Amino acid sequence: EVQLVESGGGLVQTGGSLRLSCAASGFTSDDYAIGWFRQAPGKGREAVSSIKISDGTTAYADSVKGRFTISSDIAKNTVYLDMNNLKSEDTAVYSCAAATGPDIFLILKLWPVQYNYWGQGTQVTVSS
């Protein structure tokens, strides 16, 4: 059974940094991709970034490009999202999702669809 567990959210001031972690378990190979998504109150789900575990291919939303960095530690089965120069508009619940098979293409295109595997989410609040 695939499980995703996020951690690392919290309260930070504008311009600060946070690192989110998404620990994955249950995969039998590295043929999958992880995406980070966020949802602010009253808004729809937004794709933030994604990474293909097998070859490290990454994608970023324009809103976070140059500020966020996604990476993976295959040995730890963990994907990280380093968030720098945080802005108030980054405030949201951040969730990671896993894609396998044909869904890998979608998550690398940052499509905010309902993937099969999701974590529970972690709150990020940026105060001014």
C-alpha atoms as a PDB file:
ATOM      1  CA  GLU A   1       0.000   0.000   0.000  1.00  0.00           C
ATOM      2  CA  VAL A   2       1.383   3.371  -1.010  1.00  0.00           C
ATOM      3  CA  GLN A   3       1.509   5.991   1.709  1.00  0.00           C
ATOM      4  CA  LEU A   4       2.669   9.591   1.631  1.00  0.00           C
ATOM      5  CA  VAL A   5       3.423  11.590   4.749  1.00  0.00           C
ATOM      6  CA  GLU A   6       4.176  15.306   4.617  1.00  0.00           C
ATOM      7  CA  SER A   7       6.013  17.292   7.233  1.00  0.00           C
ATOM      8  CA  GLY A   8       7.740  20.623   7.632  1.00  0.00           C
ATOM      9  CA  GLY A   9       4.936  23.138   7.448  1.00  0.00           C
ATOM     10  CA  GLY A  10       4.624  26.014   9.846  1.00  0.00           C
ATOM     11  CA  LEU A  11       4.488  29.750  10.351  1.00  0.00           C
ATOM     12  CA  VAL A  12       7.146  31.909   8.755  1.00  0.00           C
ATOM     13  CA  GLN A  13       7.565  35.593   8.044  1.00  0.00           C
ATOM     14  CA  THR A  14       7.582  37.081   4.570  1.00  0.00           C
ATOM     15  CA  GLY A  15      10.932  36.456   2.953  1.00  0.00           C
ATOM     16  CA  GLY A  16      11.622  33.425   5.105  1.00  0.00           C
ATOM     17  CA  SER A  17      12.206  29.808   4.159  1.00  0.00           C
ATOM     18  CA  LEU A  18      10.723  26.413   4.883  1.00  0.00           C
ATOM     19  CA  ARG A  19      11.484  22.873   3.792  1.00  0.00           C
ATOM     20  CA  LEU A  20       8.633  20.472   3.240  1.00  0.00           C
ATOM     21  CA  SER A  21       9.178  16.727   3.159  1.00  0.00           C
ATOM     22  CA  CYS A  22       7.090  14.012   1.542  1.00  0.00           C
ATOM     23  CA  ALA A  23       8.045  10.541   2.742  1.00  0.00           C
ATOM     24  CA  ALA A  24       6.811   7.811   0.436  1.00  0.00           C
ATOM     25  CA  SER A  25       6.395   4.126   1.192  1.00  0.00           C
ATOM     26  CA  GLY A  26       4.947   1.153  -0.609  1.00  0.00           C
ATOM     27  CA  PHE A  27       6.560   1.694  -4.007  1.00  0.00           C
ATOM     28  CA  THR A  28       8.370  -1.341  -5.425  1.00  0.00           C
ATOM     29  CA  SER A  29      10.415   0.622  -7.945  1.00  0.00           C
ATOM     30  CA  ASP A  30      11.411   4.220  -8.653  1.00  0.00           C
ATOM     31  CA  ASP A  31       9.024   4.435 -11.611  1.00  0.00           C
ATOM     32  CA  TYR A  32       6.822   7.128 -10.143  1.00  0.00           C
ATOM     33  CA  ALA A  33       6.648  10.882  -9.737  1.00  0.00           C
ATOM     34  CA  ILE A  34       5.793  13.133  -6.835  1.00  0.00           C
ATOM     35  CA  GLY A  35       4.034  16.443  -7.105  1.00  0.00           C
ATOM     36  CA  TRP A  36       3.457  19.203  -4.597  1.00  0.00           C
ATOM     37  CA  PHE A  37       0.103  20.938  -4.646  1.00  0.00           C
ATOM     38  CA  ARG A  38      -1.362  23.687  -2.544  1.00  0.00           C
ATOM     39  CA  GLN A  39      -4.794  24.980  -1.746  1.00  0.00           C
ATOM     40  CA  ALA A  40      -5.523  28.292  -0.102  1.00  0.00           C
ATOM     41  CA  PRO A  41      -8.860  29.013   1.589  1.00  0.00           C
ATOM     42  CA  GLY A  42     -11.556  29.669  -0.972  1.00  0.00           C
ATOM     43  CA  LYS A  43      -9.299  28.788  -3.887  1.00  0.00           C
ATOM     44  CA  GLY A  44      -8.820  25.763  -6.059  1.00  0.00           C
ATOM     45  CA  ARG A  45      -5.941  23.342  -5.945  1.00  0.00           C
ATOM     46  CA  GLU A  46      -2.768  24.643  -7.552  1.00  0.00           C
ATOM     47  CA  ALA A  47       0.125  22.543  -8.739  1.00  0.00           C
ATOM     48  CA  VAL A  48       3.428  23.841  -7.438  1.00  0.00           C
ATOM     49  CA  SER A  49       6.176  21.489  -8.516  1.00  0.00           C
ATOM     50  CA  SER A  50       6.848  17.889  -9.461  1.00  0.00           C
ATOM     51  CA  ILE A  51       9.721  15.480  -9.889  1.00  0.00           C
ATOM     52  CA  LYS A  52      10.139  12.162 -11.665  1.00  0.00           C
ATOM     53  CA  ILE A  53      12.021   9.917  -9.273  1.00  0.00           C
ATOM     54  CA  SER A  54      13.749   7.709 -11.860  1.00  0.00           C
ATOM     55  CA  ASP A  55      15.538  10.498 -13.732  1.00  0.00           C
ATOM     56  CA  GLY A  56      15.070  13.660 -11.671  1.00  0.00           C
ATOM     57  CA  THR A  57      13.019  15.543 -14.241  1.00  0.00           C
ATOM     58  CA  THR A  58      11.396  18.515 -12.534  1.00  0.00           C
ATOM     59  CA  ALA A  59       8.671  21.046 -13.221  1.00  0.00           C
ATOM     60  CA  TYR A  60       7.711  24.290 -11.519  1.00  0.00           C
ATOM     61  CA  ALA A  61       4.733  26.587 -11.625  1.00  0.00           C
ATOM     62  CA  ASP A  62       5.586  30.096 -12.793  1.00  0.00           C
ATOM     63  CA  SER A  63       4.474  31.466  -9.445  1.00  0.00           C
ATOM     64  CA  VAL A  64       7.262  29.644  -7.601  1.00  0.00           C
ATOM     65  CA  LYS A  65       9.983  29.389 -10.222  1.00  0.00           C
ATOM     66  CA  GLY A  66      13.272  30.702  -8.869  1.00  0.00           C
ATOM     67  CA  ARG A  67      12.045  30.527  -5.264  1.00  0.00           C
ATOM     68  CA  PHE A  68      11.148  26.859  -4.738  1.00  0.00           C
ATOM     69  CA  THR A  69      13.349  23.839  -5.381  1.00  0.00           C
ATOM     70  CA  ILE A  70      12.162  20.251  -5.502  1.00  0.00           C
ATOM     71  CA  SER A  71      14.560  17.366  -4.918  1.00  0.00           C
ATOM     72  CA  SER A  72      14.496  13.712  -4.013  1.00  0.00           C
ATOM     73  CA  ASP A  73      16.538  11.411  -1.809  1.00  0.00           C
ATOM     74  CA  ILE A  74      15.974   7.976  -3.280  1.00  0.00           C
ATOM     75  CA  ALA A  75      17.667   6.212  -0.369  1.00  0.00           C
ATOM     76  CA  LYS A  76      15.215   7.824   2.033  1.00  0.00           C
ATOM     77  CA  ASN A  77      12.226   7.629  -0.343  1.00  0.00           C
ATOM     78  CA  THR A  78      11.655  11.280   0.400  1.00  0.00           C
ATOM     79  CA  VAL A  79      10.949  14.293  -1.774  1.00  0.00           C
ATOM     80  CA  TYR A  80      11.730  17.753  -0.507  1.00  0.00           C
ATOM     81  CA  LEU A  81      10.349  21.135  -1.413  1.00  0.00           C
ATOM     82  CA  ASP A  82      12.671  23.953  -0.380  1.00  0.00           C
ATOM     83  CA  MET A  83      10.734  27.188  -0.302  1.00  0.00           C
ATOM     84  CA  ASN A  84      12.640  30.459  -0.170  1.00  0.00           C
ATOM     85  CA  ASN A  85      11.633  34.104  -0.266  1.00  0.00           C
ATOM     86  CA  LEU A  86       8.156  33.147   0.863  1.00  0.00           C
ATOM     87  CA  LYS A  87       5.296  35.518   0.184  1.00  0.00           C
ATOM     88  CA  SER A  88       1.901  35.884   1.801  1.00  0.00           C
ATOM     89  CA  GLU A  89       0.308  34.397  -1.297  1.00  0.00           C
ATOM     90  CA  ASP A  90       2.204  31.168  -0.633  1.00  0.00           C
ATOM     91  CA  THR A  91      -0.010  30.576   2.407  1.00  0.00           C
ATOM     92  CA  ALA A  92      -1.918  27.345   1.840  1.00  0.00           C
ATOM     93  CA  VAL A  93      -2.219  23.705   2.762  1.00  0.00           C
ATOM     94  CA  TYR A  94       0.506  21.888   0.870  1.00  0.00           C
ATOM     95  CA  SER A  95      -0.016  18.269  -0.127  1.00  0.00           C
ATOM     96  CA  CYS A  96       2.104  15.817  -2.024  1.00  0.00           C
ATOM     97  CA  ALA A  97       0.700  13.356  -4.511  1.00  0.00           C
ATOM     98  CA  ALA A  98       2.209  10.373  -6.264  1.00  0.00           C
ATOM     99  CA  ALA A  99       1.674   9.421  -9.870  1.00  0.00           C
ATOM    100  CA  THR A 100       2.406   6.140 -11.589  1.00  0.00           C
ATOM    101  CA  GLY A 101       2.022   4.906 -15.135  1.00  0.00           C
ATOM    102  CA  PRO A 102       0.401   7.381 -17.553  1.00  0.00           C
ATOM    103  CA  ASP A 103      -0.278   9.812 -14.688  1.00  0.00           C
ATOM    104  CA  ILE A 104       3.446  10.562 -14.531  1.00  0.00           C
ATOM    105  CA  PHE A 105       3.046  12.617 -17.720  1.00  0.00           C
ATOM    106  CA  LEU A 106       0.199  14.575 -16.158  1.00  0.00           C
ATOM    107  CA  ILE A 107       1.951  15.354 -12.895  1.00  0.00           C
ATOM    108  CA  LEU A 108       5.082  16.509 -14.736  1.00  0.00           C
ATOM    109  CA  LYS A 109       2.819  18.879 -16.676  1.00  0.00           C
ATOM    110  CA  LEU A 110       1.517  20.090 -13.291  1.00  0.00           C
ATOM    111  CA  TRP A 111      -2.074  19.124 -13.973  1.00  0.00           C
ATOM    112  CA  PRO A 112      -4.009  19.536 -10.715  1.00  0.00           C
ATOM    113  CA  VAL A 113      -6.081  16.387 -11.146  1.00  0.00           C
ATOM    114  CA  GLN A 114      -7.072  13.806  -8.558  1.00  0.00           C
ATOM    115  CA  TYR A 115      -4.101  11.445  -8.480  1.00  0.00           C
ATOM    116  CA  ASN A 116      -4.411   8.071  -6.791  1.00  0.00           C
ATOM    117  CA  TYR A 117      -2.144   8.757  -3.839  1.00  0.00           C
ATOM    118  CA  TRP A 118      -2.141  11.782  -1.565  1.00  0.00           C
ATOM    119  CA  GLY A 119      -0.650  12.772   1.727  1.00  0.00           C
ATOM    120  CA  GLN A 120      -2.624  14.385   4.515  1.00  0.00           C
ATOM    121  CA  GLY A 121      -1.329  17.901   3.876  1.00  0.00           C
ATOM    122  CA  THR A 122       0.684  20.376   5.918  1.00  0.00           C
ATOM    123  CA  GLN A 123      -0.160  24.006   6.609  1.00  0.00           C
ATOM    124  CA  VAL A 124       2.189  26.762   5.496  1.00  0.00           C
ATOM    125  CA  THR A 125       1.400  30.240   6.769  1.00  0.00           C
ATOM    126  CA  VAL A 126       3.414  33.252   5.682  1.00  0.00           C
ATOM    127  CA  SER A 127       2.858  36.346   7.772  1.00  0.00           C
ATOM    128  CA  SER A 128       3.738  39.870   6.749  1.00  0.00           C
END
